Protein backbone atom coordinates (compact mmCIF):
# COMPACT_ATOMS: atom_id res chain seq x y z
CA MET A 1 101.33 193.28 77.71
CA VAL A 2 99.22 190.74 75.87
CA VAL A 3 98.26 191.44 72.26
CA SER A 4 95.30 189.45 71.00
CA ARG A 5 95.01 187.90 67.55
CA GLU A 6 91.89 189.99 67.02
CA LEU A 7 93.85 193.20 67.58
CA ILE A 8 96.63 192.10 65.25
CA GLY A 9 94.07 191.31 62.56
CA GLN A 10 92.43 194.71 62.96
CA VAL A 11 95.77 196.50 62.67
CA LEU A 12 96.75 194.51 59.58
CA ALA A 13 93.39 195.32 57.97
CA LEU A 14 93.99 199.07 58.24
CA PRO A 15 94.55 200.76 54.86
CA VAL A 16 97.84 202.31 56.02
CA ARG A 17 101.41 201.11 55.98
CA GLN A 18 102.81 203.39 58.68
CA MET A 19 101.43 204.53 61.98
CA TRP A 20 102.69 206.36 65.02
CA THR A 21 101.45 205.68 68.53
CA GLU A 22 101.80 207.48 71.81
CA TYR A 23 100.34 206.48 75.15
CA ASP A 24 99.73 209.00 77.92
CA ALA A 25 99.60 206.84 81.07
CA GLU A 26 98.52 209.71 83.32
CA ALA A 27 95.49 210.50 81.12
CA ASP A 28 95.06 206.84 80.01
CA VAL A 29 94.81 207.93 76.38
CA LEU A 30 96.27 206.16 73.35
CA TYR A 31 96.94 208.31 70.29
CA ILE A 32 97.25 206.58 66.92
CA SER A 33 98.26 208.65 63.88
CA PHE A 34 98.34 207.44 60.29
CA ARG A 35 99.92 210.62 58.99
CA LYS A 36 102.55 212.95 60.43
CA PRO A 37 101.60 215.66 60.93
CA GLN A 38 98.02 214.50 61.30
CA GLN A 39 96.34 217.70 60.01
CA ALA A 40 92.80 216.57 60.84
CA ASN A 41 90.02 218.93 59.86
CA ASP A 42 87.16 216.92 61.41
CA SER A 43 86.81 214.68 64.47
CA ILE A 44 83.94 212.42 65.47
CA MET A 45 83.40 210.67 68.80
CA GLU A 46 81.68 207.34 68.20
CA ASP A 47 79.63 205.21 70.59
CA ASP A 48 82.71 203.08 71.31
CA GLY A 49 84.23 206.10 73.08
CA ASN A 50 86.98 206.55 70.51
CA ILE A 51 87.56 209.79 68.64
CA TYR A 52 88.19 209.37 64.92
CA HIS A 53 90.14 212.14 63.18
CA TYR A 54 89.70 212.83 59.48
CA HIS A 55 91.31 215.01 56.85
CA ASP A 56 88.42 215.40 54.43
CA GLU A 57 87.28 211.76 53.98
CA GLU A 58 90.60 210.11 54.97
CA LEU A 59 91.01 208.65 58.46
CA VAL A 60 94.25 210.15 59.78
CA GLY A 61 94.11 209.22 63.46
CA ILE A 62 92.28 207.67 66.38
CA THR A 63 92.25 208.77 70.01
CA VAL A 64 91.39 205.94 72.40
CA LEU A 65 90.08 207.26 75.73
CA ASN A 66 90.40 205.04 78.83
CA ALA A 67 92.71 202.85 76.77
CA SER A 68 93.76 200.52 79.59
CA GLN A 69 90.12 199.57 80.17
CA LYS A 70 89.71 198.45 76.55
CA ASN A 71 91.82 195.31 76.75
CA PRO A 72 90.58 193.02 73.97
CA ALA A 73 91.75 189.87 75.78
């Protein structure tokens, strides 16, 4: 696995200090949670194909669909 500098910079810029990740290889979906339990009360799918999960105005998670196809390298 190759991790790009761009990806590292994006992760470091996130306003969170802890995150949990899970990758479902069969579905090719990456789940990123910034709070456990996530307790999202709103989700928005953006044009980039990612689903952003919010609790009120706070971003609490991201679901990356077709994750293996989104290699930033």
